[in-house]
Each structure stands twice: as structure tokens, then as C-alpha cells.
């Protein structure tokens, strides 16, 4: 069953042939074929006005590399005719880190317009003038924003109604409640001398849930102290002891 108004991703890029790319297979690909979502890749060069279809120029003030021109990119954004209800994103290493919370917000909306930067960046005047929200997928630099855009779109699409086979899958994963996901196991029961933890085959759903929660908390505290610091401290249990250690911010 398709949505009345499919979620739509409009991508502005110098390499439209990169889309849908991996989004055309697996869950996202099946959902795309079913009309649950749509993607439009638009070539920024189509808005260039000279015979060489130039889209960049040297940075003002000097320095290496080239910068995407404000007039060309602004024209490309305007030509896309994305309504005011659609977020305008710029994939950028200096942007705010993409979180699962922001992904869920984007998935609930009509779908974003995404600008994929290249070269040394984008003229600041088009960022300001067209209200672009800068988004980062990590503290590293890619050759362009296309791979980052693919990651963002994939994260959103899998949350759309009808995409995932089991609705619970989207609510029991890493970051869904601020924690990393617990370890997973499946058959065979014994692999290279290591068994599946006995509690997972006990049939006691309450104990399984408690074990998974404890494992998630332990992993998050060990591997992502930044996330762990944001988890509210739990109230004392009946024995008067904390079930989990206080966060660093609690003092």
C-alpha cells in the first residue's frame, strides 16, 4: 500500500548518476518500487549560465581549491521548487551531527531537499540566503556530500510506514532510546566453543528484556561515554542502590 503523498528526497548534486545507487536495492529499493518514497537527483550544472557550465570559482581571500558559486547553486535550489514545508539540508562536515532523533523528524515530514557540496565548500551567502541547515554524518571529510546524502536518506526511508518487515525492528536498535544496541545471537547454539547466553533461550521474556537493557547500558557506557552522559540517572531500586552508575554530569 502506498502513501497518499510519498516521502520525497530531492538531491542537488554534480553527479546525479550516483542516485539512487544503493538506495535502489534491499529495503529501500523495494519501498522505492512500491511508491512509498521517491527520489529526484538534479544536476547543479543545469543552472550554470556560461558555455563551460561553470559551477565553481577560486575562494575569496585566496587559498587552495574551489568554492561552489552562490548564484549557480541558488538558481539550482530555486529551480527545484521545494516548498517551505520541506527542510533544506546541506551535507557538510561542519554541520550539526545527524542523530536518530533528527532522522525520525525528517522521516515524519514530506522529505528534504539535500544539497551535496563539493570542492572546498559552498559560498556562505547561499547557505544564509536559502536557509540551508548544515548536517554532518561524522567527524571526517568525504570527497563530496553524495555519500552522506545516501546515508541520511537510507536512515529516513527505513523508518517510513510499510518499509520494515517488523515494526518493532525500528524501535529496538542502536540510538532508538539513546543507547547502543545489545549483542545479538542466532543458531547454531554452539559456535567455536562459544554458546548463546543461556538467558536468551530461557523463555523468560522479562529476564531477556532486563539482560538486553543491561548489555545496552554497559556497551554505551564503555564505548560511547558521550551518549551515556545524556542518559538520565535511574532512581534507586528497592534495595536502595542505583541500578546503573550516575552519569558524569551528575557530579
C-alpha atoms as a PDB file:
ATOM      1  CA  UNK A   1       0.000   0.000   0.000  1.00  0.00           C
ATOM      2  CA  UNK A   2       1.457   3.363  -0.999  1.00  0.00           C
ATOM      3  CA  UNK A   3       1.238   6.620   0.920  1.00  0.00           C
ATOM      4  CA  UNK A   4      -1.146   9.296  -0.474  1.00  0.00           C
ATOM      5  CA  UNK A   5       1.855  11.621  -0.717  1.00  0.00           C
ATOM      6  CA  UNK A   6       5.098   9.627  -0.908  1.00  0.00           C
ATOM      7  CA  UNK A   7       8.052  10.835   1.121  1.00  0.00           C
ATOM      8  CA  UNK A   8      10.325  12.619  -1.342  1.00  0.00           C
ATOM      9  CA  UNK A   9      14.049  13.301  -1.384  1.00  0.00           C
ATOM     10  CA  UNK A  10      15.295  15.929  -3.821  1.00  0.00           C
ATOM     11  CA  UNK A  11      19.073  15.861  -4.207  1.00  0.00           C
ATOM     12  CA  UNK A  12      21.124  18.645  -5.795  1.00  0.00           C
ATOM     13  CA  UNK A  13      24.451  17.239  -6.957  1.00  0.00           C
ATOM     14  CA  UNK A  14      27.140  17.452  -9.620  1.00  0.00           C
ATOM     15  CA  UNK A  15      26.847  13.679 -10.007  1.00  0.00           C
ATOM     16  CA  UNK A  16      23.151  12.749 -10.358  1.00  0.00           C
ATOM     17  CA  UNK A  17      24.174   9.341 -11.716  1.00  0.00           C
ATOM     18  CA  UNK A  18      25.106   8.364  -8.148  1.00  0.00           C
ATOM     19  CA  UNK A  19      21.407   8.151  -7.249  1.00  0.00           C
ATOM     20  CA  UNK A  20      19.535   6.068  -6.296  1.00  0.00           C
ATOM     21  CA  UNK A  21      22.672   3.884  -6.186  1.00  0.00           C
ATOM     22  CA  UNK A  22      22.494   1.541  -3.182  1.00  0.00           C
ATOM     23  CA  UNK A  23      19.088   3.007  -2.323  1.00  0.00           C
ATOM     24  CA  UNK A  24      17.709   1.092  -5.299  1.00  0.00           C
ATOM     25  CA  UNK A  25      18.214  -2.308  -3.652  1.00  0.00           C
ATOM     26  CA  UNK A  26      17.109  -4.135  -0.492  1.00  0.00           C
ATOM     27  CA  UNK A  27      14.524  -2.484   1.786  1.00  0.00           C
ATOM     28  CA  UNK A  28      14.884   0.997   0.335  1.00  0.00           C
ATOM     29  CA  UNK A  29      14.769  -0.321  -3.220  1.00  0.00           C
ATOM     30  CA  UNK A  30      11.607  -2.329  -2.654  1.00  0.00           C
ATOM     31  CA  UNK A  31       9.969   0.647  -0.971  1.00  0.00           C
ATOM     32  CA  UNK A  32      11.029   2.865  -3.892  1.00  0.00           C
ATOM     33  CA  UNK A  33       9.482   0.444  -6.379  1.00  0.00           C
ATOM     34  CA  UNK A  34       6.320   0.298  -4.282  1.00  0.00           C
ATOM     35  CA  UNK A  35       5.948   4.070  -4.343  1.00  0.00           C
ATOM     36  CA  UNK A  36       6.390   4.547  -0.605  1.00  0.00           C
ATOM     37  CA  UNK A  37       9.062   7.123  -1.327  1.00  0.00           C
ATOM     38  CA  UNK A  38      10.551   8.964  -4.303  1.00  0.00           C
ATOM     39  CA  UNK A  39      13.936  10.417  -5.179  1.00  0.00           C
ATOM     40  CA  UNK A  40      14.839  13.135  -7.649  1.00  0.00           C
ATOM     41  CA  UNK A  41      18.501  13.814  -8.406  1.00  0.00           C
ATOM     42  CA  UNK A  42      19.019  17.214 -10.057  1.00  0.00           C
ATOM     43  CA  UNK A  43      22.251  18.296 -11.728  1.00  0.00           C
ATOM     44  CA  UNK A  44      23.561  21.579 -10.323  1.00  0.00           C
ATOM     45  CA  UNK A  45      25.336  22.219 -13.621  1.00  0.00           C
ATOM     46  CA  UNK A  46      21.956  22.634 -15.310  1.00  0.00           C
ATOM     47  CA  UNK A  47      21.755  26.040 -13.601  1.00  0.00           C
ATOM     48  CA  UNK A  48      25.130  27.255 -14.898  1.00  0.00           C
ATOM     49  CA  UNK A  49      24.870  30.130 -17.364  1.00  0.00           C
ATOM     50  CA  UNK A  50      28.163  30.089 -19.284  1.00  0.00           C
ATOM     51  CA  UNK A  51      29.075  27.791 -22.154  1.00  0.00           C
ATOM     52  CA  UNK A  52      31.506  25.855 -19.973  1.00  0.00           C
ATOM     53  CA  UNK A  53      28.765  25.165 -17.395  1.00  0.00           C
ATOM     54  CA  UNK A  54      30.997  26.501 -14.636  1.00  0.00           C
ATOM     55  CA  UNK A  55      29.773  25.942 -11.090  1.00  0.00           C
ATOM     56  CA  UNK A  56      32.786  26.966  -9.001  1.00  0.00           C
ATOM     57  CA  UNK A  57      35.448  29.629  -8.646  1.00  0.00           C
ATOM     58  CA  UNK A  58      38.523  30.413  -6.560  1.00  0.00           C
ATOM     59  CA  UNK A  59      37.949  31.269  -2.892  1.00  0.00           C
ATOM     60  CA  UNK A  60      37.806  34.949  -1.981  1.00  0.00           C
ATOM     61  CA  UNK A  61      40.859  35.839   0.078  1.00  0.00           C
ATOM     62  CA  UNK A  62      42.960  33.157  -1.549  1.00  0.00           C
ATOM     63  CA  UNK A  63      43.681  29.579  -0.613  1.00  0.00           C
ATOM     64  CA  UNK A  64      43.589  26.162  -2.250  1.00  0.00           C
ATOM     65  CA  UNK A  65      40.719  24.542  -4.079  1.00  0.00           C
ATOM     66  CA  UNK A  66      37.498  25.899  -5.462  1.00  0.00           C
ATOM     67  CA  UNK A  67      34.152  27.002  -3.987  1.00  0.00           C
ATOM     68  CA  UNK A  68      30.641  26.352  -5.318  1.00  0.00           C
ATOM     69  CA  UNK A  69      29.247  29.643  -6.615  1.00  0.00           C
ATOM     70  CA  UNK A  70      26.321  31.223  -4.800  1.00  0.00           C
ATOM     71  CA  UNK A  71      24.474  32.316  -7.954  1.00  0.00           C
ATOM     72  CA  UNK A  72      24.594  28.894  -9.623  1.00  0.00           C
ATOM     73  CA  UNK A  73      23.649  26.923  -6.519  1.00  0.00           C
ATOM     74  CA  UNK A  74      20.897  29.381  -5.555  1.00  0.00           C
ATOM     75  CA  UNK A  75      19.417  29.031  -9.038  1.00  0.00           C
ATOM     76  CA  UNK A  76      19.521  25.236  -8.722  1.00  0.00           C
ATOM     77  CA  UNK A  77      17.733  25.388  -5.364  1.00  0.00           C
ATOM     78  CA  UNK A  78      15.091  27.748  -6.728  1.00  0.00           C
ATOM     79  CA  UNK A  79      14.544  25.554  -9.800  1.00  0.00           C
ATOM     80  CA  UNK A  80      13.853  22.547  -7.568  1.00  0.00           C
ATOM     81  CA  UNK A  81      10.730  24.350  -6.288  1.00  0.00           C
ATOM     82  CA  UNK A  82      10.863  22.722  -2.865  1.00  0.00           C
ATOM     83  CA  UNK A  83       8.014  24.081  -0.759  1.00  0.00           C
ATOM     84  CA  UNK A  84       8.550  25.868   2.559  1.00  0.00           C
ATOM     85  CA  UNK A  85       7.438  22.762   4.448  1.00  0.00           C
ATOM     86  CA  UNK A  86      10.425  20.789   3.177  1.00  0.00           C
ATOM     87  CA  UNK A  87      13.723  21.058   5.091  1.00  0.00           C
ATOM     88  CA  UNK A  88      16.686  22.324   3.086  1.00  0.00           C
ATOM     89  CA  UNK A  89      19.826  20.460   4.079  1.00  0.00           C
ATOM     90  CA  UNK A  90      23.483  20.872   3.157  1.00  0.00           C
ATOM     91  CA  UNK A  91      25.714  17.869   3.826  1.00  0.00           C
ATOM     92  CA  UNK A  92      28.753  19.426   5.460  1.00  0.00           C
ATOM     93  CA  UNK A  93      31.497  18.248   7.878  1.00  0.00           C
ATOM     94  CA  UNK A  94      30.969  21.425   9.898  1.00  0.00           C
ATOM     95  CA  UNK A  95      27.245  20.798  10.314  1.00  0.00           C
ATOM     96  CA  UNK A  96      25.407  19.535  13.361  1.00  0.00           C
ATOM     97  CA  UNK A  97      25.845  15.782  13.817  1.00  0.00           C
ATOM     98  CA  UNK A  98      22.982  13.752  12.414  1.00  0.00           C
ATOM     99  CA  UNK A  99      21.135  11.911  15.176  1.00  0.00           C
ATOM    100  CA  UNK A 100      18.427   9.281  15.205  1.00  0.00           C
ATOM    101  CA  UNK A 101      16.088  11.887  16.671  1.00  0.00           C
ATOM    102  CA  UNK A 102      16.657  14.206  13.709  1.00  0.00           C
ATOM    103  CA  UNK A 103      16.280  11.284  11.305  1.00  0.00           C
ATOM    104  CA  UNK A 104      12.894  10.442  12.847  1.00  0.00           C
ATOM    105  CA  UNK A 105      11.806  14.075  12.482  1.00  0.00           C
ATOM    106  CA  UNK A 106      12.793  14.117   8.809  1.00  0.00           C
ATOM    107  CA  UNK A 107      11.059  10.786   8.178  1.00  0.00           C
ATOM    108  CA  UNK A 108       7.778  12.154   9.553  1.00  0.00           C
ATOM    109  CA  UNK A 109       7.832  15.116   7.181  1.00  0.00           C
ATOM    110  CA  UNK A 110       7.343  15.378   3.408  1.00  0.00           C
ATOM    111  CA  UNK A 111      11.048  14.778   2.709  1.00  0.00           C
ATOM    112  CA  UNK A 112      14.037  17.112   2.394  1.00  0.00           C
ATOM    113  CA  UNK A 113      15.886  18.909  -0.338  1.00  0.00           C
ATOM    114  CA  UNK A 114      19.532  17.923   0.075  1.00  0.00           C
ATOM    115  CA  UNK A 115      22.478  19.880  -1.332  1.00  0.00           C
ATOM    116  CA  UNK A 116      25.651  17.872  -1.893  1.00  0.00           C
ATOM    117  CA  UNK A 117      28.710  20.062  -1.596  1.00  0.00           C
ATOM    118  CA  UNK A 118      31.968  19.561  -3.476  1.00  0.00           C
ATOM    119  CA  UNK A 119      35.400  21.159  -3.647  1.00  0.00           C
ATOM    120  CA  UNK A 120      36.284  23.401  -0.670  1.00  0.00           C
ATOM    121  CA  UNK A 121      32.678  24.125   0.206  1.00  0.00           C
ATOM    122  CA  UNK A 122      29.740  26.368  -0.632  1.00  0.00           C
ATOM    123  CA  UNK A 123      29.552  30.154  -0.781  1.00  0.00           C
ATOM    124  CA  UNK A 124      28.218  31.214   2.641  1.00  0.00           C
ATOM    125  CA  UNK A 125      25.765  33.647   1.056  1.00  0.00           C
ATOM    126  CA  UNK A 126      23.678  30.862  -0.477  1.00  0.00           C
ATOM    127  CA  UNK A 127      23.701  28.968   2.826  1.00  0.00           C
ATOM    128  CA  UNK A 128      22.300  32.048   4.549  1.00  0.00           C
ATOM    129  CA  UNK A 129      20.078  33.232   1.725  1.00  0.00           C
ATOM    130  CA  UNK A 130      18.385  29.896   1.099  1.00  0.00           C
ATOM    131  CA  UNK A 131      18.215  28.808   4.723  1.00  0.00           C
ATOM    132  CA  UNK A 132      20.324  25.661   4.390  1.00  0.00           C
ATOM    133  CA  UNK A 133      20.642  23.505   7.513  1.00  0.00           C
ATOM    134  CA  UNK A 134      24.165  22.090   7.622  1.00  0.00           C
ATOM    135  CA  UNK A 135      24.250  18.408   8.580  1.00  0.00           C
ATOM    136  CA  UNK A 136      27.256  16.173   9.292  1.00  0.00           C
ATOM    137  CA  UNK A 137      27.381  12.373   9.411  1.00  0.00           C
ATOM    138  CA  UNK A 138      30.723  12.275  11.212  1.00  0.00           C
ATOM    139  CA  UNK A 139      33.983  13.962  12.050  1.00  0.00           C
ATOM    140  CA  UNK A 140      35.787  13.222   8.805  1.00  0.00           C
ATOM    141  CA  UNK A 141      35.903  14.660   5.294  1.00  0.00           C
ATOM    142  CA  UNK A 142      34.486  12.987   2.173  1.00  0.00           C
ATOM    143  CA  UNK A 143      35.086  13.955  -1.449  1.00  0.00           C
ATOM    144  CA  UNK A 144      31.544  15.303  -1.630  1.00  0.00           C
ATOM    145  CA  UNK A 145      28.155  15.220   0.023  1.00  0.00           C
ATOM    146  CA  UNK A 146      26.680  12.420  -2.079  1.00  0.00           C
ATOM    147  CA  UNK A 147      27.681   9.516   0.161  1.00  0.00           C
ATOM    148  CA  UNK A 148      26.495  11.464   3.196  1.00  0.00           C
ATOM    149  CA  UNK A 149      23.180  12.154   1.455  1.00  0.00           C
ATOM    150  CA  UNK A 150      22.758   8.456   0.687  1.00  0.00           C
ATOM    151  CA  UNK A 151      23.295   7.637   4.355  1.00  0.00           C
ATOM    152  CA  UNK A 152      20.792  10.238   5.513  1.00  0.00           C
ATOM    153  CA  UNK A 153      18.131   9.133   3.033  1.00  0.00           C
ATOM    154  CA  UNK A 154      18.595   5.458   3.911  1.00  0.00           C
ATOM    155  CA  UNK A 155      18.223   6.243   7.624  1.00  0.00           C
ATOM    156  CA  UNK A 156      14.961   8.084   6.924  1.00  0.00           C
ATOM    157  CA  UNK A 157      13.450   5.645   4.433  1.00  0.00           C
ATOM    158  CA  UNK A 158      13.737   2.645   6.726  1.00  0.00           C
ATOM    159  CA  UNK A 159      11.501   4.476   9.248  1.00  0.00           C
ATOM    160  CA  UNK A 160       8.698   5.122   6.764  1.00  0.00           C
ATOM    161  CA  UNK A 161       5.492   3.133   7.377  1.00  0.00           C
ATOM    162  CA  UNK A 162       5.491  -0.104   5.428  1.00  0.00           C
ATOM    163  CA  UNK A 163       9.233  -0.255   4.751  1.00  0.00           C
ATOM    164  CA  UNK A 164      10.465  -2.521   7.539  1.00  0.00           C
ATOM    165  CA  UNK A 165       9.070  -6.019   7.809  1.00  0.00           C
ATOM    166  CA  UNK A 166       8.629  -5.896  11.582  1.00  0.00           C
ATOM    167  CA  UNK A 167       7.563  -2.609  13.167  1.00  0.00           C
ATOM    168  CA  UNK A 168       9.409  -3.452  16.391  1.00  0.00           C
ATOM    169  CA  UNK A 169      12.701  -3.582  14.484  1.00  0.00           C
ATOM    170  CA  UNK A 170      12.839   0.183  14.258  1.00  0.00           C
ATOM    171  CA  UNK A 171      12.344   0.688  17.993  1.00  0.00           C
ATOM    172  CA  UNK A 172      14.833  -1.838  19.375  1.00  0.00           C
ATOM    173  CA  UNK A 173      18.012  -0.669  17.652  1.00  0.00           C
ATOM    174  CA  UNK A 174      21.010   1.443  18.481  1.00  0.00           C
ATOM    175  CA  UNK A 175      20.108   5.043  19.394  1.00  0.00           C
ATOM    176  CA  UNK A 176      16.342   4.407  19.449  1.00  0.00           C
ATOM    177  CA  UNK A 177      16.365   5.126  23.198  1.00  0.00           C
ATOM    178  CA  UNK A 178      19.759   6.791  23.394  1.00  0.00           C
ATOM    179  CA  UNK A 179      21.643   3.534  23.933  1.00  0.00           C
ATOM    180  CA  UNK A 180      23.709   1.258  21.711  1.00  0.00           C
ATOM    181  CA  UNK A 181      22.036  -1.995  20.754  1.00  0.00           C
ATOM    182  CA  UNK A 182      22.591  -5.130  22.829  1.00  0.00           C
ATOM    183  CA  UNK A 183      24.512  -8.128  21.372  1.00  0.00           C
ATOM    184  CA  UNK A 184      22.577 -10.392  19.025  1.00  0.00           C
ATOM    185  CA  UNK A 185      22.771 -14.201  18.649  1.00  0.00           C
ATOM    186  CA  UNK A 186      21.200 -16.895  16.485  1.00  0.00           C
ATOM    187  CA  UNK A 187      21.793 -20.550  15.601  1.00  0.00           C
ATOM    188  CA  UNK A 188      23.904 -22.604  15.915  1.00  0.00           C
ATOM    189  CA  UNK A 189      23.605 -22.888  19.685  1.00  0.00           C
ATOM    190  CA  UNK A 190      27.347 -23.551  19.960  1.00  0.00           C
ATOM    191  CA  UNK A 191      29.857 -21.791  17.685  1.00  0.00           C
ATOM    192  CA  UNK A 192      33.596 -22.436  18.035  1.00  0.00           C
ATOM    193  CA  UNK A 193      33.089 -23.334  21.666  1.00  0.00           C
ATOM    194  CA  UNK A 194      31.030 -20.218  22.470  1.00  0.00           C
ATOM    195  CA  UNK A 195      27.364 -20.827  23.379  1.00  0.00           C
ATOM    196  CA  UNK A 196      24.402 -18.475  23.122  1.00  0.00           C
ATOM    197  CA  UNK A 197      23.898 -16.886  26.571  1.00  0.00           C
ATOM    198  CA  UNK A 198      21.605 -19.208  28.493  1.00  0.00           C
ATOM    199  CA  UNK A 199      19.195 -16.473  29.500  1.00  0.00           C
ATOM    200  CA  UNK A 200      18.271 -15.839  25.841  1.00  0.00           C
ATOM    201  CA  UNK A 201      16.982 -19.405  25.463  1.00  0.00           C
ATOM    202  CA  UNK A 202      15.235 -19.497  28.864  1.00  0.00           C
ATOM    203  CA  UNK A 203      11.857 -18.416  27.547  1.00  0.00           C
ATOM    204  CA  UNK A 204      11.591 -15.815  30.327  1.00  0.00           C
ATOM    205  CA  UNK A 205      10.812 -12.644  28.376  1.00  0.00           C
ATOM    206  CA  UNK A 206      11.192 -10.340  31.383  1.00  0.00           C
ATOM    207  CA  UNK A 207      14.669 -11.648  32.135  1.00  0.00           C
ATOM    208  CA  UNK A 208      15.633 -11.421  28.463  1.00  0.00           C
ATOM    209  CA  UNK A 209      14.488  -7.792  28.348  1.00  0.00           C
ATOM    210  CA  UNK A 210      16.415  -6.981  31.535  1.00  0.00           C
ATOM    211  CA  UNK A 211      19.561  -8.682  30.196  1.00  0.00           C
ATOM    212  CA  UNK A 212      19.345  -6.778  26.931  1.00  0.00           C
ATOM    213  CA  UNK A 213      18.875  -3.476  28.717  1.00  0.00           C
ATOM    214  CA  UNK A 214      21.860  -4.135  30.967  1.00  0.00           C
ATOM    215  CA  UNK A 215      24.029  -5.086  27.990  1.00  0.00           C
ATOM    216  CA  UNK A 216      22.987  -1.942  26.111  1.00  0.00           C
ATOM    217  CA  UNK A 217      23.835   0.206  29.106  1.00  0.00           C
ATOM    218  CA  UNK A 218      27.210  -1.450  29.602  1.00  0.00           C
ATOM    219  CA  UNK A 219      28.148  -1.100  25.933  1.00  0.00           C
ATOM    220  CA  UNK A 220      27.066   2.524  25.801  1.00  0.00           C
ATOM    221  CA  UNK A 221      28.982   3.444  28.960  1.00  0.00           C
ATOM    222  CA  UNK A 222      32.130   1.729  27.670  1.00  0.00           C
ATOM    223  CA  UNK A 223      32.083   2.740  24.013  1.00  0.00           C
ATOM    224  CA  UNK A 224      30.121   6.000  23.887  1.00  0.00           C
ATOM    225  CA  UNK A 225      30.563   7.968  27.099  1.00  0.00           C
ATOM    226  CA  UNK A 226      29.181  11.000  25.271  1.00  0.00           C
ATOM    227  CA  UNK A 227      25.843   9.230  24.822  1.00  0.00           C
ATOM    228  CA  UNK A 228      25.951   7.681  28.285  1.00  0.00           C
ATOM    229  CA  UNK A 229      26.348  11.117  29.857  1.00  0.00           C
ATOM    230  CA  UNK A 230      22.990  12.110  28.363  1.00  0.00           C
ATOM    231  CA  UNK A 231      21.049   9.183  29.863  1.00  0.00           C
ATOM    232  CA  UNK A 232      19.100  10.272  32.972  1.00  0.00           C
ATOM    233  CA  UNK A 233      20.260   8.560  36.144  1.00  0.00           C
ATOM    234  CA  UNK A 234      17.863   5.869  37.326  1.00  0.00           C
ATOM    235  CA  UNK A 235      16.098   6.130  40.703  1.00  0.00           C
ATOM    236  CA  UNK A 236      17.308   3.772  43.453  1.00  0.00           C
ATOM    237  CA  UNK A 237      15.861   0.249  43.419  1.00  0.00           C
ATOM    238  CA  UNK A 238      14.092  -1.320  46.371  1.00  0.00           C
ATOM    239  CA  UNK A 239      17.383  -2.198  47.965  1.00  0.00           C
ATOM    240  CA  UNK A 240      18.257   1.488  47.924  1.00  0.00           C
ATOM    241  CA  UNK A 241      21.058   1.104  45.398  1.00  0.00           C
ATOM    242  CA  UNK A 242      21.417   2.596  41.955  1.00  0.00           C
ATOM    243  CA  UNK A 243      20.779   0.057  39.230  1.00  0.00           C
ATOM    244  CA  UNK A 244      23.178   1.947  36.988  1.00  0.00           C
ATOM    245  CA  UNK A 245      26.043   4.303  37.839  1.00  0.00           C
ATOM    246  CA  UNK A 246      25.395   8.026  37.865  1.00  0.00           C
ATOM    247  CA  UNK A 247      26.204   9.967  34.745  1.00  0.00           C
ATOM    248  CA  UNK A 248      29.357  12.058  34.707  1.00  0.00           C
ATOM    249  CA  UNK A 249      27.248  15.205  34.672  1.00  0.00           C
ATOM    250  CA  UNK A 250      25.544  14.241  37.946  1.00  0.00           C
ATOM    251  CA  UNK A 251      28.677  15.006  39.962  1.00  0.00           C
END
